[in-house]
Structures are given as structure tokens and as C-alpha cells.
């Protein structure tokens, strides 16, 4: 298996940056698009464990847009082949440190184009 194919890694870095912009800007539509629409999709937060895309979407729609800005440190994105990646980072928000772990996979259209999703 090829690890960190340059063009795949570049695509995943762009997706991760898009997620960060959507998260801190409270762009619910983009966040919902980036999460795989599946009952097995998980989001473990500091005060909630959300199981399934519907629960995550409801959380995002009801979340306050205030105080979402944060800085990132020690971000590591690794791709495995062309269809799988992990992204891990530490973040600082309002003086508190947290961690974020994501697993991404590519969804293929009938035309063969890929669309990464968490």
C-alpha cells in the first residue's frame, strides 16, 4: 500500500482545511456534507457522544456559533492508498487543550470521481 501519495495527501489537507473553516465559521451545510451520511458515523465530543449522521446533524444545527475559533498544533494527516486517510490534531480554544481524530474515506461516483467524507 502506498502511504502519502502526494496528490492524495494534498487533497486531504484541503479537505481538512475546509472542515476547519466550516467548523469555526459554523457552516452547518458544509459540515453535514463532509460527514458520511450513515448511522455508523460517530462524533465523540467533550460533553456528548453522537451516534449516527442524524444525531450529528441535529447537534450541528443547534450549536451556538459563538466561541468556535481555535488554533491547531501537531496536526498529522496520513493517507493510505487513494481512498483512506486519518487526520489527528491538538487544538487550543479559550485556554483549553483538546484533541481531534478523524477517519476519512473516498466515496466514488459512477463517473469515478472521489469525494472524501469523514
PDB file of N, CA and C in Angstrom:
ATOM      1  N   UNK A   1       0.843  -1.177   0.000  1.00  0.00           N
ATOM      2  CA  UNK A   1       0.000   0.000   0.000  1.00  0.00           C
ATOM      3  C   UNK A   1       0.883   1.233   0.000  1.00  0.00           C
ATOM      4  N   UNK A   2       0.502   2.198  -0.812  1.00  0.00           N
ATOM      5  CA  UNK A   2       1.236   3.454  -0.879  1.00  0.00           C
ATOM      6  C   UNK A   2       0.726   4.411   0.196  1.00  0.00           C
ATOM      7  N   UNK A   3       1.639   4.962   0.961  1.00  0.00           N
ATOM      8  CA  UNK A   3       1.304   5.905   2.018  1.00  0.00           C
ATOM      9  C   UNK A   3       1.703   7.304   1.562  1.00  0.00           C
ATOM     10  N   UNK A   4       0.813   8.258   1.773  1.00  0.00           N
ATOM     11  CA  UNK A   4       1.053   9.675   1.466  1.00  0.00           C
ATOM     12  C   UNK A   4       1.413   9.925   0.000  1.00  0.00           C
ATOM     13  N   UNK A   5       0.609   9.409  -0.910  1.00  0.00           N
ATOM     14  CA  UNK A   5       0.735   9.752  -2.329  1.00  0.00           C
ATOM     15  C   UNK A   5       0.546  11.269  -2.409  1.00  0.00           C
ATOM     16  N   UNK A   6       1.484  11.995  -2.992  1.00  0.00           N
ATOM     17  CA  UNK A   6       1.454  13.459  -2.911  1.00  0.00           C
ATOM     18  C   UNK A   6       0.119  14.106  -3.286  1.00  0.00           C
ATOM     19  N   UNK A   7      -0.505  13.696  -4.385  1.00  0.00           N
ATOM     20  CA  UNK A   7      -1.752  14.351  -4.789  1.00  0.00           C
ATOM     21  C   UNK A   7      -2.925  13.983  -3.870  1.00  0.00           C
ATOM     22  N   UNK A   8      -2.892  12.792  -3.313  1.00  0.00           N
ATOM     23  CA  UNK A   8      -3.943  12.375  -2.374  1.00  0.00           C
ATOM     24  C   UNK A   8      -3.766  13.120  -1.050  1.00  0.00           C
ATOM     25  N   UNK A   9      -2.531  13.232  -0.597  1.00  0.00           N
ATOM     26  CA  UNK A   9      -2.244  13.972   0.629  1.00  0.00           C
ATOM     27  C   UNK A   9      -2.652  15.438   0.476  1.00  0.00           C
ATOM     28  N   UNK A  10      -2.377  16.035  -0.681  1.00  0.00           N
ATOM     29  CA  UNK A  10      -2.775  17.428  -0.927  1.00  0.00           C
ATOM     30  C   UNK A  10      -4.293  17.576  -0.872  1.00  0.00           C
ATOM     31  N   UNK A  11      -5.014  16.620  -1.448  1.00  0.00           N
ATOM     32  CA  UNK A  11      -6.474  16.656  -1.414  1.00  0.00           C
ATOM     33  C   UNK A  11      -6.990  16.559   0.021  1.00  0.00           C
ATOM     34  N   UNK A  12      -6.402  15.682   0.815  1.00  0.00           N
ATOM     35  CA  UNK A  12      -6.843  15.525   2.192  1.00  0.00           C
ATOM     36  C   UNK A  12      -6.513  16.755   3.041  1.00  0.00           C
ATOM     37  N   UNK A  13      -5.370  17.359   2.782  1.00  0.00           N
ATOM     38  CA  UNK A  13      -5.050  18.602   3.508  1.00  0.00           C
ATOM     39  C   UNK A  13      -6.073  19.683   3.178  1.00  0.00           C
ATOM     40  N   UNK A  14      -6.495  19.746   1.920  1.00  0.00           N
ATOM     41  CA  UNK A  14      -7.516  20.721   1.526  1.00  0.00           C
ATOM     42  C   UNK A  14      -8.851  20.409   2.194  1.00  0.00           C
ATOM     43  N   UNK A  15      -9.219  19.152   2.271  1.00  0.00           N
ATOM     44  CA  UNK A  15     -10.472  18.757   2.937  1.00  0.00           C
ATOM     45  C   UNK A  15     -10.418  19.089   4.427  1.00  0.00           C
ATOM     46  N   UNK A  16      -9.277  18.820   5.053  1.00  0.00           N
ATOM     47  CA  UNK A  16      -9.116  19.125   6.476  1.00  0.00           C
ATOM     48  C   UNK A  16      -9.242  20.627   6.710  1.00  0.00           C
ATOM     49  N   UNK A  17      -8.638  21.432   5.832  1.00  0.00           N
ATOM     50  CA  UNK A  17      -8.739  22.891   5.948  1.00  0.00           C
ATOM     51  C   UNK A  17     -10.180  23.353   5.741  1.00  0.00           C
ATOM     52  N   UNK A  18     -10.885  22.717   4.801  1.00  0.00           N
ATOM     53  CA  UNK A  18     -12.291  23.055   4.574  1.00  0.00           C
ATOM     54  C   UNK A  18     -13.113  22.743   5.831  1.00  0.00           C
ATOM     55  N   UNK A  19     -12.836  21.616   6.453  1.00  0.00           N
ATOM     56  CA  UNK A  19     -13.531  21.252   7.687  1.00  0.00           C
ATOM     57  C   UNK A  19     -13.270  22.294   8.774  1.00  0.00           C
ATOM     58  N   UNK A  20     -12.008  22.701   8.942  1.00  0.00           N
ATOM     59  CA  UNK A  20     -11.670  23.687   9.970  1.00  0.00           C
ATOM     60  C   UNK A  20     -12.409  25.002   9.716  1.00  0.00           C
ATOM     61  N   UNK A  21     -12.420  25.467   8.458  1.00  0.00           N
ATOM     62  CA  UNK A  21     -13.142  26.707   8.133  1.00  0.00           C
ATOM     63  C   UNK A  21     -14.634  26.565   8.446  1.00  0.00           C
ATOM     64  N   UNK A  22     -15.209  25.438   8.064  1.00  0.00           N
ATOM     65  CA  UNK A  22     -16.636  25.219   8.302  1.00  0.00           C
ATOM     66  C   UNK A  22     -16.938  25.132   9.796  1.00  0.00           C
ATOM     67  N   UNK A  23     -16.058  24.483  10.542  1.00  0.00           N
ATOM     68  CA  UNK A  23     -16.259  24.326  11.982  1.00  0.00           C
ATOM     69  C   UNK A  23     -16.214  25.672  12.693  1.00  0.00           C
ATOM     70  N   UNK A  24     -15.156  26.441  12.454  1.00  0.00           N
ATOM     71  CA  UNK A  24     -15.010  27.716  13.161  1.00  0.00           C
ATOM     72  C   UNK A  24     -15.978  28.777  12.635  1.00  0.00           C
ATOM     73  N   UNK A  25     -16.452  28.625  11.389  1.00  0.00           N
ATOM     74  CA  UNK A  25     -17.423  29.553  10.829  1.00  0.00           C
ATOM     75  C   UNK A  25     -18.858  29.086  10.999  1.00  0.00           C
ATOM     76  N   UNK A  26     -19.042  27.950  11.658  1.00  0.00           N
ATOM     77  CA  UNK A  26     -20.355  27.347  11.899  1.00  0.00           C
ATOM     78  C   UNK A  26     -21.141  27.178  10.593  1.00  0.00           C
ATOM     79  N   UNK A  27     -20.465  26.722   9.549  1.00  0.00           N
ATOM     80  CA  UNK A  27     -21.106  26.456   8.264  1.00  0.00           C
ATOM     81  C   UNK A  27     -21.690  25.044   8.304  1.00  0.00           C
ATOM     82  N   UNK A  28     -22.906  24.944   8.814  1.00  0.00           N
ATOM     83  CA  UNK A  28     -23.542  23.654   9.062  1.00  0.00           C
ATOM     84  C   UNK A  28     -23.694  22.855   7.770  1.00  0.00           C
ATOM     85  N   UNK A  29     -24.029  23.505   6.676  1.00  0.00           N
ATOM     86  CA  UNK A  29     -24.218  22.784   5.408  1.00  0.00           C
ATOM     87  C   UNK A  29     -22.942  22.076   4.975  1.00  0.00           C
ATOM     88  N   UNK A  30     -21.809  22.744   5.092  1.00  0.00           N
ATOM     89  CA  UNK A  30     -20.534  22.114   4.718  1.00  0.00           C
ATOM     90  C   UNK A  30     -20.198  20.992   5.696  1.00  0.00           C
ATOM     91  N   UNK A  31     -20.386  21.227   6.975  1.00  0.00           N
ATOM     92  CA  UNK A  31     -20.103  20.177   7.959  1.00  0.00           C
ATOM     93  C   UNK A  31     -20.953  18.937   7.685  1.00  0.00           C
ATOM     94  N   UNK A  32     -22.212  19.122   7.379  1.00  0.00           N
ATOM     95  CA  UNK A  32     -23.074  17.973   7.096  1.00  0.00           C
ATOM     96  C   UNK A  32     -22.638  17.254   5.820  1.00  0.00           C
ATOM     97  N   UNK A  33     -22.167  17.995   4.828  1.00  0.00           N
ATOM     98  CA  UNK A  33     -21.693  17.377   3.590  1.00  0.00           C
ATOM     99  C   UNK A  33     -20.426  16.564   3.826  1.00  0.00           C
ATOM    100  N   UNK A  34     -19.567  17.026   4.734  1.00  0.00           N
ATOM    101  CA  UNK A  34     -18.290  16.348   4.959  1.00  0.00           C
ATOM    102  C   UNK A  34     -18.419  15.071   5.786  1.00  0.00           C
ATOM    103  N   UNK A  35     -19.491  14.956   6.569  1.00  0.00           N
ATOM    104  CA  UNK A  35     -19.679  13.743   7.361  1.00  0.00           C
ATOM    105  C   UNK A  35     -20.468  12.727   6.542  1.00  0.00           C
ATOM    106  N   UNK A  36     -20.004  11.500   6.557  1.00  0.00           N
ATOM    107  CA  UNK A  36     -20.684  10.425   5.830  1.00  0.00           C
ATOM    108  C   UNK A  36     -22.093  10.250   6.382  1.00  0.00           C
ATOM    109  N   UNK A  37     -23.078  10.259   5.486  1.00  0.00           N
ATOM    110  CA  UNK A  37     -24.485  10.101   5.885  1.00  0.00           C
ATOM    111  C   UNK A  37     -24.750   8.616   6.115  1.00  0.00           C
ATOM    112  N   UNK A  38     -24.535   8.208   7.370  1.00  0.00           N
ATOM    113  CA  UNK A  38     -24.595   6.791   7.707  1.00  0.00           C
ATOM    114  C   UNK A  38     -24.884   6.670   9.207  1.00  0.00           C
ATOM    115  N   UNK A  39     -25.681   5.713   9.622  1.00  0.00           N
ATOM    116  CA  UNK A  39     -25.963   5.554  11.051  1.00  0.00           C
ATOM    117  C   UNK A  39     -24.747   5.106  11.856  1.00  0.00           C
ATOM    118  N   UNK A  40     -23.662   4.695  11.186  1.00  0.00           N
ATOM    119  CA  UNK A  40     -22.453   4.267  11.893  1.00  0.00           C
ATOM    120  C   UNK A  40     -21.438   5.396  12.063  1.00  0.00           C
ATOM    121  N   UNK A  41     -21.734   6.581  11.514  1.00  0.00           N
ATOM    122  CA  UNK A  41     -20.829   7.721  11.675  1.00  0.00           C
ATOM    123  C   UNK A  41     -20.871   8.178  13.130  1.00  0.00           C
ATOM    124  N   UNK A  42     -19.702   8.434  13.701  1.00  0.00           N
ATOM    125  CA  UNK A  42     -19.585   8.784  15.119  1.00  0.00           C
ATOM    126  C   UNK A  42     -18.981  10.169  15.294  1.00  0.00           C
ATOM    127  N   UNK A  43     -19.384  10.834  16.355  1.00  0.00           N
ATOM    128  CA  UNK A  43     -18.722  12.066  16.788  1.00  0.00           C
ATOM    129  C   UNK A  43     -18.667  12.031  18.306  1.00  0.00           C
ATOM    130  N   UNK A  44     -17.455  11.932  18.833  1.00  0.00           N
ATOM    131  CA  UNK A  44     -17.262  11.970  20.274  1.00  0.00           C
ATOM    132  C   UNK A  44     -16.764  13.361  20.630  1.00  0.00           C
ATOM    133  N   UNK A  45     -17.565  14.101  21.354  1.00  0.00           N
ATOM    134  CA  UNK A  45     -17.211  15.459  21.745  1.00  0.00           C
ATOM    135  C   UNK A  45     -16.855  15.523  23.214  1.00  0.00           C
ATOM    136  N   UNK A  46     -16.497  16.717  23.694  1.00  0.00           N
ATOM    137  CA  UNK A  46     -16.098  16.851  25.090  1.00  0.00           C
ATOM    138  C   UNK A  46     -17.253  16.604  26.066  1.00  0.00           C
ATOM    139  N   UNK A  47     -18.487  16.811  25.624  1.00  0.00           N
ATOM    140  CA  UNK A  47     -19.623  16.643  26.531  1.00  0.00           C
ATOM    141  C   UNK A  47     -20.730  15.781  25.930  1.00  0.00           C
ATOM    142  N   UNK A  48     -20.467  15.192  24.747  1.00  0.00           N
ATOM    143  CA  UNK A  48     -21.507  14.409  24.089  1.00  0.00           C
ATOM    144  C   UNK A  48     -20.887  13.318  23.230  1.00  0.00           C
ATOM    145  N   UNK A  49     -21.605  12.216  23.114  1.00  0.00           N
ATOM    146  CA  UNK A  49     -21.246  11.139  22.196  1.00  0.00           C
ATOM    147  C   UNK A  49     -22.410  11.008  21.225  1.00  0.00           C
ATOM    148  N   UNK A  50     -22.140  11.277  19.961  1.00  0.00           N
ATOM    149  CA  UNK A  50     -23.197  11.277  18.954  1.00  0.00           C
ATOM    150  C   UNK A  50     -23.016  10.086  18.033  1.00  0.00           C
ATOM    151  N   UNK A  51     -24.068   9.305  17.904  1.00  0.00           N
ATOM    152  CA  UNK A  51     -24.035   8.100  17.091  1.00  0.00           C
ATOM    153  C   UNK A  51     -24.980   8.278  15.917  1.00  0.00           C
ATOM    154  N   UNK A  52     -24.442   8.298  14.712  1.00  0.00           N
ATOM    155  CA  UNK A  52     -25.245   8.421  13.508  1.00  0.00           C
ATOM    156  C   UNK A  52     -25.255   9.835  12.948  1.00  0.00           C
ATOM    157  N   UNK A  53     -25.333   9.900  11.607  1.00  0.00           N
ATOM    158  CA  UNK A  53     -25.310  11.184  10.917  1.00  0.00           C
ATOM    159  C   UNK A  53     -26.448  12.080  11.391  1.00  0.00           C
ATOM    160  N   UNK A  54     -27.636  11.529  11.592  1.00  0.00           N
ATOM    161  CA  UNK A  54     -28.778  12.350  12.004  1.00  0.00           C
ATOM    162  C   UNK A  54     -28.515  13.037  13.341  1.00  0.00           C
ATOM    163  N   UNK A  55     -27.941  12.329  14.296  1.00  0.00           N
ATOM    164  CA  UNK A  55     -27.642  12.919  15.605  1.00  0.00           C
ATOM    165  C   UNK A  55     -26.579  14.005  15.477  1.00  0.00           C
ATOM    166  N   UNK A  56     -25.585  13.764  14.632  1.00  0.00           N
ATOM    167  CA  UNK A  56     -24.526  14.761  14.421  1.00  0.00           C
ATOM    168  C   UNK A  56     -25.111  16.000  13.750  1.00  0.00           C
ATOM    169  N   UNK A  57     -25.958  15.809  12.734  1.00  0.00           N
ATOM    170  CA  UNK A  57     -26.578  16.931  12.034  1.00  0.00           C
ATOM    171  C   UNK A  57     -27.436  17.767  12.989  1.00  0.00           C
ATOM    172  N   UNK A  58     -28.202  17.120  13.856  1.00  0.00           N
ATOM    173  CA  UNK A  58     -29.031  17.836  14.823  1.00  0.00           C
ATOM    174  C   UNK A  58     -28.167  18.641  15.794  1.00  0.00           C
ATOM    175  N   UNK A  59     -27.059  18.054  16.246  1.00  0.00           N
ATOM    176  CA  UNK A  59     -26.137  18.765  17.133  1.00  0.00           C
ATOM    177  C   UNK A  59     -25.589  20.003  16.440  1.00  0.00           C
ATOM    178  N   UNK A  60     -25.115  19.838  15.199  1.00  0.00           N
ATOM    179  CA  UNK A  60     -24.547  20.972  14.448  1.00  0.00           C
ATOM    180  C   UNK A  60     -25.581  22.083  14.254  1.00  0.00           C
ATOM    181  N   UNK A  61     -26.798  21.708  13.906  1.00  0.00           N
ATOM    182  CA  UNK A  61     -27.847  22.696  13.643  1.00  0.00           C
ATOM    183  C   UNK A  61     -28.214  23.479  14.901  1.00  0.00           C
ATOM    184  N   UNK A  62     -28.081  22.864  16.080  1.00  0.00           N
ATOM    185  CA  UNK A  62     -28.451  23.523  17.324  1.00  0.00           C
ATOM    186  C   UNK A  62     -27.308  24.170  18.076  1.00  0.00           C
ATOM    187  N   UNK A  63     -26.104  24.027  17.575  1.00  0.00           N
ATOM    188  CA  UNK A  63     -24.926  24.534  18.279  1.00  0.00           C
ATOM    189  C   UNK A  63     -24.797  26.045  18.138  1.00  0.00           C
ATOM    190  N   UNK A  64     -24.397  26.699  19.203  1.00  0.00           N
ATOM    191  CA  UNK A  64     -24.160  28.146  19.165  1.00  0.00           C
ATOM    192  C   UNK A  64     -22.938  28.443  18.293  1.00  0.00           C
ATOM    193  N   UNK A  65     -23.018  29.488  17.482  1.00  0.00           N
ATOM    194  CA  UNK A  65     -21.865  29.854  16.658  1.00  0.00           C
ATOM    195  C   UNK A  65     -20.810  30.667  17.411  1.00  0.00           C
ATOM    196  N   UNK A  66     -21.045  30.926  18.677  1.00  0.00           N
ATOM    197  CA  UNK A  66     -20.143  31.763  19.481  1.00  0.00           C
ATOM    198  C   UNK A  66     -19.016  30.918  20.076  1.00  0.00           C
ATOM    199  N   UNK A  67     -17.784  31.425  19.990  1.00  0.00           N
ATOM    200  CA  UNK A  67     -16.645  30.797  20.657  1.00  0.00           C
ATOM    201  C   UNK A  67     -16.108  29.548  19.993  1.00  0.00           C
ATOM    202  N   UNK A  68     -16.255  29.439  18.687  1.00  0.00           N
ATOM    203  CA  UNK A  68     -15.782  28.238  17.994  1.00  0.00           C
ATOM    204  C   UNK A  68     -14.353  28.367  17.463  1.00  0.00           C
ATOM    205  N   UNK A  69     -13.796  29.565  17.470  1.00  0.00           N
ATOM    206  CA  UNK A  69     -12.439  29.760  16.947  1.00  0.00           C
ATOM    207  C   UNK A  69     -11.436  28.991  17.799  1.00  0.00           C
ATOM    208  N   UNK A  70     -10.427  28.452  17.156  1.00  0.00           N
ATOM    209  CA  UNK A  70      -9.405  27.685  17.869  1.00  0.00           C
ATOM    210  C   UNK A  70      -8.136  27.664  17.033  1.00  0.00           C
ATOM    211  N   UNK A  71      -7.032  27.349  17.680  1.00  0.00           N
ATOM    212  CA  UNK A  71      -5.764  27.182  16.968  1.00  0.00           C
ATOM    213  C   UNK A  71      -5.383  25.706  17.026  1.00  0.00           C
ATOM    214  N   UNK A  72      -4.657  25.270  16.002  1.00  0.00           N
ATOM    215  CA  UNK A  72      -4.263  23.866  15.904  1.00  0.00           C
ATOM    216  C   UNK A  72      -2.764  23.712  16.098  1.00  0.00           C
ATOM    217  N   UNK A  73      -2.376  22.578  16.658  1.00  0.00           N
ATOM    218  CA  UNK A  73      -0.971  22.214  16.836  1.00  0.00           C
ATOM    219  C   UNK A  73      -0.802  20.731  16.543  1.00  0.00           C
ATOM    220  N   UNK A  74       0.376  20.378  16.103  1.00  0.00           N
ATOM    221  CA  UNK A  74       0.755  18.968  15.937  1.00  0.00           C
ATOM    222  C   UNK A  74      -0.229  18.186  15.057  1.00  0.00           C
ATOM    223  N   UNK A  75      -0.646  18.797  13.969  1.00  0.00           N
ATOM    224  CA  UNK A  75      -1.572  18.138  13.041  1.00  0.00           C
ATOM    225  C   UNK A  75      -0.810  17.129  12.189  1.00  0.00           C
ATOM    226  N   UNK A  76      -1.333  15.909  12.131  1.00  0.00           N
ATOM    227  CA  UNK A  76      -0.737  14.850  11.311  1.00  0.00           C
ATOM    228  C   UNK A  76      -1.843  14.264  10.437  1.00  0.00           C
ATOM    229  N   UNK A  77      -1.675  14.381   9.129  1.00  0.00           N
ATOM    230  CA  UNK A  77      -2.600  13.786   8.166  1.00  0.00           C
ATOM    231  C   UNK A  77      -1.821  12.714   7.415  1.00  0.00           C
ATOM    232  N   UNK A  78      -2.370  11.512   7.371  1.00  0.00           N
ATOM    233  CA  UNK A  78      -1.716  10.396   6.694  1.00  0.00           C
ATOM    234  C   UNK A  78      -2.721   9.754   5.758  1.00  0.00           C
ATOM    235  N   UNK A  79      -2.298   9.533   4.519  1.00  0.00           N
ATOM    236  CA  UNK A  79      -3.177   8.847   3.570  1.00  0.00           C
ATOM    237  C   UNK A  79      -2.647   7.439   3.335  1.00  0.00           C
ATOM    238  N   UNK A  80      -3.586   6.533   3.103  1.00  0.00           N
ATOM    239  CA  UNK A  80      -3.277   5.125   2.860  1.00  0.00           C
ATOM    240  C   UNK A  80      -3.926   4.751   1.536  1.00  0.00           C
ATOM    241  N   UNK A  81      -3.107   4.587   0.512  1.00  0.00           N
ATOM    242  CA  UNK A  81      -3.660   4.367  -0.819  1.00  0.00           C
ATOM    243  C   UNK A  81      -4.343   5.637  -1.294  1.00  0.00           C
ATOM    244  N   UNK A  82      -5.376   5.481  -2.094  1.00  0.00           N
ATOM    245  CA  UNK A  82      -6.091   6.634  -2.659  1.00  0.00           C
ATOM    246  C   UNK A  82      -7.433   6.892  -1.998  1.00  0.00           C
ATOM    247  N   UNK A  83      -7.872   5.997  -1.108  1.00  0.00           N
ATOM    248  CA  UNK A  83      -9.240   6.091  -0.624  1.00  0.00           C
ATOM    249  C   UNK A  83      -9.394   6.177   0.888  1.00  0.00           C
ATOM    250  N   UNK A  84      -8.296   6.289   1.639  1.00  0.00           N
ATOM    251  CA  UNK A  84      -8.410   6.261   3.096  1.00  0.00           C
ATOM    252  C   UNK A  84      -7.367   7.189   3.706  1.00  0.00           C
ATOM    253  N   UNK A  85      -7.776   7.908   4.763  1.00  0.00           N
ATOM    254  CA  UNK A  85      -6.850   8.820   5.435  1.00  0.00           C
ATOM    255  C   UNK A  85      -7.252   8.993   6.896  1.00  0.00           C
ATOM    256  N   UNK A  86      -6.280   9.382   7.701  1.00  0.00           N
ATOM    257  CA  UNK A  86      -6.541   9.789   9.074  1.00  0.00           C
ATOM    258  C   UNK A  86      -5.999  11.200   9.268  1.00  0.00           C
ATOM    259  N   UNK A  87      -6.674  11.948  10.136  1.00  0.00           N
ATOM    260  CA  UNK A  87      -6.223  13.293  10.489  1.00  0.00           C
ATOM    261  C   UNK A  87      -6.327  13.410  12.005  1.00  0.00           C
ATOM    262  N   UNK A  88      -5.235  13.786  12.620  1.00  0.00           N
ATOM    263  CA  UNK A  88      -5.187  13.941  14.080  1.00  0.00           C
ATOM    264  C   UNK A  88      -4.542  15.276  14.395  1.00  0.00           C
ATOM    265  N   UNK A  89      -5.096  15.971  15.382  1.00  0.00           N
ATOM    266  CA  UNK A  89      -4.554  17.265  15.747  1.00  0.00           C
ATOM    267  C   UNK A  89      -4.862  17.582  17.198  1.00  0.00           C
ATOM    268  N   UNK A  90      -4.107  18.499  17.751  1.00  0.00           N
ATOM    269  CA  UNK A  90      -4.408  19.085  19.052  1.00  0.00           C
ATOM    270  C   UNK A  90      -4.938  20.482  18.784  1.00  0.00           C
ATOM    271  N   UNK A  91      -5.874  20.939  19.620  1.00  0.00           N
ATOM    272  CA  UNK A  91      -6.383  22.294  19.436  1.00  0.00           C
ATOM    273  C   UNK A  91      -6.427  23.029  20.759  1.00  0.00           C
ATOM    274  N   UNK A  92      -6.351  24.338  20.641  1.00  0.00           N
ATOM    275  CA  UNK A  92      -6.471  25.239  21.791  1.00  0.00           C
ATOM    276  C   UNK A  92      -7.668  26.147  21.547  1.00  0.00           C
ATOM    277  N   UNK A  93      -8.591  26.165  22.510  1.00  0.00           N
ATOM    278  CA  UNK A  93      -9.771  27.034  22.424  1.00  0.00           C
ATOM    279  C   UNK A  93     -10.026  27.582  23.814  1.00  0.00           C
ATOM    280  N   UNK A  94     -10.009  28.900  23.900  1.00  0.00           N
ATOM    281  CA  UNK A  94     -10.300  29.578  25.175  1.00  0.00           C
ATOM    282  C   UNK A  94      -9.425  29.034  26.302  1.00  0.00           C
ATOM    283  N   UNK A  95      -8.144  28.808  26.013  1.00  0.00           N
ATOM    284  CA  UNK A  95      -7.212  28.360  27.036  1.00  0.00           C
ATOM    285  C   UNK A  95      -7.277  26.884  27.365  1.00  0.00           C
ATOM    286  N   UNK A  96      -8.138  26.146  26.695  1.00  0.00           N
ATOM    287  CA  UNK A  96      -8.268  24.706  26.959  1.00  0.00           C
ATOM    288  C   UNK A  96      -7.721  23.915  25.780  1.00  0.00           C
ATOM    289  N   UNK A  97      -7.062  22.822  26.083  1.00  0.00           N
ATOM    290  CA  UNK A  97      -6.476  21.959  25.060  1.00  0.00           C
ATOM    291  C   UNK A  97      -7.389  20.761  24.827  1.00  0.00           C
ATOM    292  N   UNK A  98      -7.512  20.396  23.558  1.00  0.00           N
ATOM    293  CA  UNK A  98      -8.296  19.220  23.205  1.00  0.00           C
ATOM    294  C   UNK A  98      -7.632  18.468  22.073  1.00  0.00           C
ATOM    295  N   UNK A  99      -8.216  17.332  21.726  1.00  0.00           N
ATOM    296  CA  UNK A  99      -7.696  16.506  20.633  1.00  0.00           C
ATOM    297  C   UNK A  99      -8.822  16.194  19.664  1.00  0.00           C
ATOM    298  N   UNK A 100      -8.447  16.012  18.432  1.00  0.00           N
ATOM    299  CA  UNK A 100      -9.420  15.679  17.390  1.00  0.00           C
ATOM    300  C   UNK A 100      -8.828  14.572  16.532  1.00  0.00           C
ATOM    301  N   UNK A 101      -9.593  13.526  16.327  1.00  0.00           N
ATOM    302  CA  UNK A 101      -9.175  12.413  15.463  1.00  0.00           C
ATOM    303  C   UNK A 101     -10.261  12.198  14.421  1.00  0.00           C
ATOM    304  N   UNK A 102      -9.853  12.078  13.179  1.00  0.00           N
ATOM    305  CA  UNK A 102     -10.799  11.851  12.094  1.00  0.00           C
ATOM    306  C   UNK A 102     -10.313  10.714  11.211  1.00  0.00           C
ATOM    307  N   UNK A 103     -11.267   9.976  10.683  1.00  0.00           N
ATOM    308  CA  UNK A 103     -11.011   8.966   9.675  1.00  0.00           C
ATOM    309  C   UNK A 103     -11.780   9.388   8.434  1.00  0.00           C
ATOM    310  N   UNK A 104     -11.094   9.457   7.306  1.00  0.00           N
ATOM    311  CA  UNK A 104     -11.708   9.877   6.048  1.00  0.00           C
ATOM    312  C   UNK A 104     -11.650   8.729   5.055  1.00  0.00           C
ATOM    313  N   UNK A 105     -12.691   8.630   4.241  1.00  0.00           N
ATOM    314  CA  UNK A 105     -12.660   7.681   3.128  1.00  0.00           C
ATOM    315  C   UNK A 105     -13.235   8.365   1.907  1.00  0.00           C
ATOM    316  N   UNK A 106     -12.859   7.878   0.741  1.00  0.00           N
ATOM    317  CA  UNK A 106     -13.347   8.464  -0.501  1.00  0.00           C
ATOM    318  C   UNK A 106     -14.609   7.744  -0.935  1.00  0.00           C
ATOM    319  N   UNK A 107     -15.609   8.531  -1.278  1.00  0.00           N
ATOM    320  CA  UNK A 107     -16.821   7.990  -1.898  1.00  0.00           C
ATOM    321  C   UNK A 107     -16.655   8.173  -3.399  1.00  0.00           C
ATOM    322  N   UNK A 108     -16.871   7.149  -4.148  1.00  0.00           N
ATOM    323  CA  UNK A 108     -16.712   7.220  -5.604  1.00  0.00           C
ATOM    324  C   UNK A 108     -18.069   7.392  -6.286  1.00  0.00           C
ATOM    325  N   UNK A 109     -18.121   8.297  -7.256  1.00  0.00           N
ATOM    326  CA  UNK A 109     -19.332   8.458  -8.058  1.00  0.00           C
ATOM    327  C   UNK A 109     -19.292   7.440  -9.190  1.00  0.00           C
ATOM    328  N   UNK A 110     -20.390   7.329  -9.913  1.00  0.00           N
ATOM    329  CA  UNK A 110     -20.407   6.389 -11.044  1.00  0.00           C
ATOM    330  C   UNK A 110     -19.418   6.784 -12.120  1.00  0.00           C
ATOM    331  N   UNK A 111     -19.057   8.070 -12.171  1.00  0.00           N
ATOM    332  CA  UNK A 111     -18.061   8.530 -13.150  1.00  0.00           C
ATOM    333  C   UNK A 111     -16.636   8.333 -12.648  1.00  0.00           C
ATOM    334  N   UNK A 112     -16.484   7.835 -11.412  1.00  0.00           N
ATOM    335  CA  UNK A 112     -15.157   7.562 -10.880  1.00  0.00           C
ATOM    336  C   UNK A 112     -14.539   8.689 -10.080  1.00  0.00           C
ATOM    337  N   UNK A 113     -15.224   9.837  -9.989  1.00  0.00           N
ATOM    338  CA  UNK A 113     -14.683  10.949  -9.200  1.00  0.00           C
ATOM    339  C   UNK A 113     -14.802  10.614  -7.718  1.00  0.00           C
ATOM    340  N   UNK A 114     -13.844  11.099  -6.925  1.00  0.00           N
ATOM    341  CA  UNK A 114     -13.903  10.818  -5.484  1.00  0.00           C
ATOM    342  C   UNK A 114     -14.370  12.047  -4.735  1.00  0.00           C
ATOM    343  N   UNK A 115     -14.970  11.807  -3.586  1.00  0.00           N
ATOM    344  CA  UNK A 115     -15.463  12.861  -2.712  1.00  0.00           C
ATOM    345  C   UNK A 115     -15.196  12.420  -1.287  1.00  0.00           C
ATOM    346  N   UNK A 116     -14.115  12.915  -0.669  1.00  0.00           N
ATOM    347  CA  UNK A 116     -13.768  12.457   0.693  1.00  0.00           C
ATOM    348  C   UNK A 116     -14.851  12.805   1.713  1.00  0.00           C
ATOM    349  N   UNK A 117     -15.059  11.885   2.648  1.00  0.00           N
ATOM    350  CA  UNK A 117     -16.023  12.058   3.731  1.00  0.00           C
ATOM    351  C   UNK A 117     -15.420  11.501   5.010  1.00  0.00           C
ATOM    352  N   UNK A 118     -15.836  12.087   6.135  1.00  0.00           N
ATOM    353  CA  UNK A 118     -15.449  11.549   7.431  1.00  0.00           C
ATOM    354  C   UNK A 118     -16.409  10.452   7.800  1.00  0.00           C
TER     355      UNK A 118
END
